[in-house]
Every structure is written in structure tokens, then in C-alpha cells.
Amino acid sequence: MTEVIIENVGWLVPLDIESTTAADLVSKFNHIVRKFAHFGVYFVLGILMMNTLRISGMRGRKAFIFSIVFCILYAVSDEVHQLFLPGRGTQVADVMIDSVGAFVGIGMYKAIIARHWK
């Protein structure tokens, strides 16, 4: 089964397949998927925060700043929480990926809403 996965998604991981074991490829692919998941989850969180604030009446720069600060603090709290879980670790890179995902989600939300309401 591992060979099938590598044949189908091996192009995502630029490695010399001849000198790398299947387990290494699967591990690297798993790492990439987890990082994309961090980005995606916080992308959605940023959109939901902006929508929540818009519905509650907060708009403009204030909503943008509040949303990004909330998402960053949530990302930091999530990493701190992982300190107390066996087998999990804290990574500053994850906070950065989370923050970028939230920022992109917030920016896209603002762009779509601005275009829609013109």
C-alpha cells in the first residue's frame, strides 16, 4: 500500500526516491499534509472571525486587527496546550503557519466583501 501512495503522491516530495525508504517518503508526506492542515484550519478561522465581527457590527480596520490578534493568540495558546500532551511538541513554525493562514483568510474575506458591496 505504501508503494501505491508514493507512486501517486511522490511528486509532491522532491526526494531521490532511489535512496529514500518508503517510510521516509510517507513521513515527509505526512509532515507536508499536517502543515497544510495548520494553514487551512486557521484560514477558515480567520474567515469565521471576520464574518462574526461583521455580523456583530464591527467593521473596517478594527475588525481586521481584532481578528488577526485573536487568531494569533489562539495559535499561541494551541501550541502552549500541546506542551502538556504526551507525544506532542510546540513549534514556533506552526504559529507562523497558523498566522499566515489566518491573515490570508481575513484578507480574502475583506476582498470578497469589499467587491460584493461595491
C-alpha atoms as a PDB file:
ATOM      1  CA  MET A   1       0.000   0.000   0.000  1.00  0.00           C
ATOM      2  CA  THR A   2       2.835   2.394   0.790  1.00  0.00           C
ATOM      3  CA  GLU A   3       4.259   1.951  -2.692  1.00  0.00           C
ATOM      4  CA  VAL A   4       0.915   2.955  -4.202  1.00  0.00           C
ATOM      5  CA  ILE A   5       0.866   6.126  -2.105  1.00  0.00           C
ATOM      6  CA  ILE A   6       4.401   7.001  -3.124  1.00  0.00           C
ATOM      7  CA  GLU A   7       3.708   6.364  -6.802  1.00  0.00           C
ATOM      8  CA  ASN A   8       0.657   8.640  -6.708  1.00  0.00           C
ATOM      9  CA  VAL A   9       1.897  11.445  -4.487  1.00  0.00           C
ATOM     10  CA  GLY A  10       5.666  11.070  -4.631  1.00  0.00           C
ATOM     11  CA  TRP A  11       5.940  14.054  -6.972  1.00  0.00           C
ATOM     12  CA  LEU A  12       4.911  16.307  -4.050  1.00  0.00           C
ATOM     13  CA  VAL A  13       8.028  15.381  -2.108  1.00  0.00           C
ATOM     14  CA  PRO A  14      11.143  16.272  -4.133  1.00  0.00           C
ATOM     15  CA  LEU A  15      13.459  13.497  -2.988  1.00  0.00           C
ATOM     16  CA  ASP A  16      15.718  10.994  -4.643  1.00  0.00           C
ATOM     17  CA  ILE A  17      13.329   8.050  -4.473  1.00  0.00           C
ATOM     18  CA  GLU A  18      16.081   5.540  -5.204  1.00  0.00           C
ATOM     19  CA  SER A  19      17.981   6.339  -1.997  1.00  0.00           C
ATOM     20  CA  THR A  20      14.996   7.035   0.256  1.00  0.00           C
ATOM     21  CA  THR A  21      12.922   4.411   2.002  1.00  0.00           C
ATOM     22  CA  ALA A  22       9.171   4.238   1.603  1.00  0.00           C
ATOM     23  CA  ALA A  23       8.748   5.013   5.304  1.00  0.00           C
ATOM     24  CA  ASP A  24      10.797   8.207   4.903  1.00  0.00           C
ATOM     25  CA  LEU A  25       8.662   9.325   1.980  1.00  0.00           C
ATOM     26  CA  VAL A  26       5.440   8.645   3.843  1.00  0.00           C
ATOM     27  CA  SER A  27       6.789  10.509   6.881  1.00  0.00           C
ATOM     28  CA  LYS A  28       7.711  13.552   4.784  1.00  0.00           C
ATOM     29  CA  PHE A  29       4.358  13.484   3.009  1.00  0.00           C
ATOM     30  CA  ASN A  30       2.604  13.295   6.400  1.00  0.00           C
ATOM     31  CA  HIS A  31       4.620  16.316   7.554  1.00  0.00           C
ATOM     32  CA  ILE A  32       3.549  18.332   4.487  1.00  0.00           C
ATOM     33  CA  VAL A  33      -0.109  17.392   4.952  1.00  0.00           C
ATOM     34  CA  ARG A  34      -0.008  18.457   8.610  1.00  0.00           C
ATOM     35  CA  LYS A  35       1.487  21.848   7.715  1.00  0.00           C
ATOM     36  CA  PHE A  36      -1.168  22.432   5.041  1.00  0.00           C
ATOM     37  CA  ALA A  37      -3.796  21.466   7.630  1.00  0.00           C
ATOM     38  CA  HIS A  38      -2.440  24.127  10.019  1.00  0.00           C
ATOM     39  CA  PHE A  39      -2.733  26.737   7.267  1.00  0.00           C
ATOM     40  CA  GLY A  40      -6.204  25.583   6.206  1.00  0.00           C
ATOM     41  CA  VAL A  41      -7.744  25.451   9.661  1.00  0.00           C
ATOM     42  CA  TYR A  42      -6.557  28.948  10.540  1.00  0.00           C
ATOM     43  CA  PHE A  43      -7.590  30.209   7.087  1.00  0.00           C
ATOM     44  CA  VAL A  44     -11.135  29.146   7.964  1.00  0.00           C
ATOM     45  CA  LEU A  45     -10.825  30.591  11.485  1.00  0.00           C
ATOM     46  CA  GLY A  46      -9.832  33.964  10.029  1.00  0.00           C
ATOM     47  CA  ILE A  47     -12.848  33.964   7.706  1.00  0.00           C
ATOM     48  CA  LEU A  48     -15.203  32.958  10.521  1.00  0.00           C
ATOM     49  CA  MET A  49     -13.801  35.651  12.838  1.00  0.00           C
ATOM     50  CA  MET A  50     -14.271  38.354  10.212  1.00  0.00           C
ATOM     51  CA  ASN A  51     -17.792  37.168   9.456  1.00  0.00           C
ATOM     52  CA  THR A  52     -18.680  37.053  13.146  1.00  0.00           C
ATOM     53  CA  LEU A  53     -17.405  40.573  13.705  1.00  0.00           C
ATOM     54  CA  ARG A  54     -19.164  41.867  10.583  1.00  0.00           C
ATOM     55  CA  ILE A  55     -22.475  40.383  11.730  1.00  0.00           C
ATOM     56  CA  SER A  56     -21.994  41.919  15.183  1.00  0.00           C
ATOM     57  CA  GLY A  57     -21.425  45.346  13.621  1.00  0.00           C
ATOM     58  CA  MET A  58     -17.641  45.689  13.844  1.00  0.00           C
ATOM     59  CA  ARG A  59     -16.088  46.564  10.504  1.00  0.00           C
ATOM     60  CA  GLY A  60     -13.016  48.016   8.872  1.00  0.00           C
ATOM     61  CA  ARG A  61      -9.570  48.226  10.378  1.00  0.00           C
ATOM     62  CA  LYS A  62     -10.822  47.473  13.881  1.00  0.00           C
ATOM     63  CA  ALA A  63     -12.345  44.152  12.772  1.00  0.00           C
ATOM     64  CA  PHE A  64      -9.204  43.267  10.820  1.00  0.00           C
ATOM     65  CA  ILE A  65      -6.880  43.937  13.759  1.00  0.00           C
ATOM     66  CA  PHE A  66      -9.139  42.201  16.271  1.00  0.00           C
ATOM     67  CA  SER A  67      -9.439  39.139  14.019  1.00  0.00           C
ATOM     68  CA  ILE A  68      -5.713  38.753  13.365  1.00  0.00           C
ATOM     69  CA  VAL A  69      -4.809  39.297  17.031  1.00  0.00           C
ATOM     70  CA  PHE A  70      -7.413  36.745  18.113  1.00  0.00           C
ATOM     71  CA  CYS A  71      -6.161  34.164  15.592  1.00  0.00           C
ATOM     72  CA  ILE A  72      -2.514  34.648  16.580  1.00  0.00           C
ATOM     73  CA  LEU A  73      -3.301  34.384  20.284  1.00  0.00           C
ATOM     74  CA  TYR A  74      -5.353  31.273  19.619  1.00  0.00           C
ATOM     75  CA  ALA A  75      -2.455  29.737  17.674  1.00  0.00           C
ATOM     76  CA  VAL A  76      -0.066  30.502  20.541  1.00  0.00           C
ATOM     77  CA  SER A  77      -2.487  29.047  23.090  1.00  0.00           C
ATOM     78  CA  ASP A  78      -2.844  25.902  20.967  1.00  0.00           C
ATOM     79  CA  GLU A  79       0.928  25.416  20.908  1.00  0.00           C
ATOM     80  CA  VAL A  80       1.181  26.014  24.676  1.00  0.00           C
ATOM     81  CA  HIS A  81      -1.588  23.454  25.180  1.00  0.00           C
ATOM     82  CA  GLN A  82       0.487  20.907  23.232  1.00  0.00           C
ATOM     83  CA  LEU A  83       3.260  21.215  25.833  1.00  0.00           C
ATOM     84  CA  PHE A  84       1.033  19.246  28.187  1.00  0.00           C
ATOM     85  CA  LEU A  85       0.114  16.462  25.757  1.00  0.00           C
ATOM     86  CA  PRO A  86       2.259  13.340  25.599  1.00  0.00           C
ATOM     87  CA  GLY A  87       3.870  12.839  22.222  1.00  0.00           C
ATOM     88  CA  ARG A  88       3.197  16.410  21.076  1.00  0.00           C
ATOM     89  CA  GLY A  89       5.578  19.309  20.867  1.00  0.00           C
ATOM     90  CA  THR A  90       5.488  23.055  20.463  1.00  0.00           C
ATOM     91  CA  GLN A  91       6.829  24.686  17.315  1.00  0.00           C
ATOM     92  CA  VAL A  92       7.101  28.383  16.573  1.00  0.00           C
ATOM     93  CA  ALA A  93       6.880  27.496  12.872  1.00  0.00           C
ATOM     94  CA  ASP A  94       3.351  26.187  13.458  1.00  0.00           C
ATOM     95  CA  VAL A  95       2.316  29.521  14.987  1.00  0.00           C
ATOM     96  CA  MET A  96       3.752  31.287  11.949  1.00  0.00           C
ATOM     97  CA  ILE A  97       1.932  28.969   9.517  1.00  0.00           C
ATOM     98  CA  ASP A  98      -1.287  29.391  11.503  1.00  0.00           C
ATOM     99  CA  SER A  99      -0.910  33.183  11.494  1.00  0.00           C
ATOM    100  CA  VAL A 100      -0.283  33.311   7.743  1.00  0.00           C
ATOM    101  CA  GLY A 101      -3.321  31.113   7.135  1.00  0.00           C
ATOM    102  CA  ALA A 102      -5.488  33.410   9.271  1.00  0.00           C
ATOM    103  CA  PHE A 103      -4.086  36.516   7.582  1.00  0.00           C
ATOM    104  CA  VAL A 104      -4.817  35.139   4.110  1.00  0.00           C
ATOM    105  CA  GLY A 105      -8.339  34.098   5.148  1.00  0.00           C
ATOM    106  CA  ILE A 106      -9.054  37.511   6.653  1.00  0.00           C
ATOM    107  CA  GLY A 107      -7.648  39.263   3.595  1.00  0.00           C
ATOM    108  CA  MET A 108      -9.691  37.152   1.206  1.00  0.00           C
ATOM    109  CA  TYR A 109     -12.819  37.762   3.261  1.00  0.00           C
ATOM    110  CA  LYS A 110     -12.225  41.516   3.179  1.00  0.00           C
ATOM    111  CA  ALA A 111     -11.570  41.452  -0.571  1.00  0.00           C
ATOM    112  CA  ILE A 112     -14.699  39.441  -1.323  1.00  0.00           C
ATOM    113  CA  ILE A 113     -16.903  41.556   0.932  1.00  0.00           C
ATOM    114  CA  ALA A 114     -15.479  44.798  -0.494  1.00  0.00           C
ATOM    115  CA  ARG A 115     -16.118  43.596  -4.036  1.00  0.00           C
ATOM    116  CA  HIS A 116     -19.583  42.322  -3.183  1.00  0.00           C
ATOM    117  CA  TRP A 117     -20.707  45.574  -1.505  1.00  0.00           C
ATOM    118  CA  LYS A 118     -19.461  47.975  -4.229  1.00  0.00           C
END
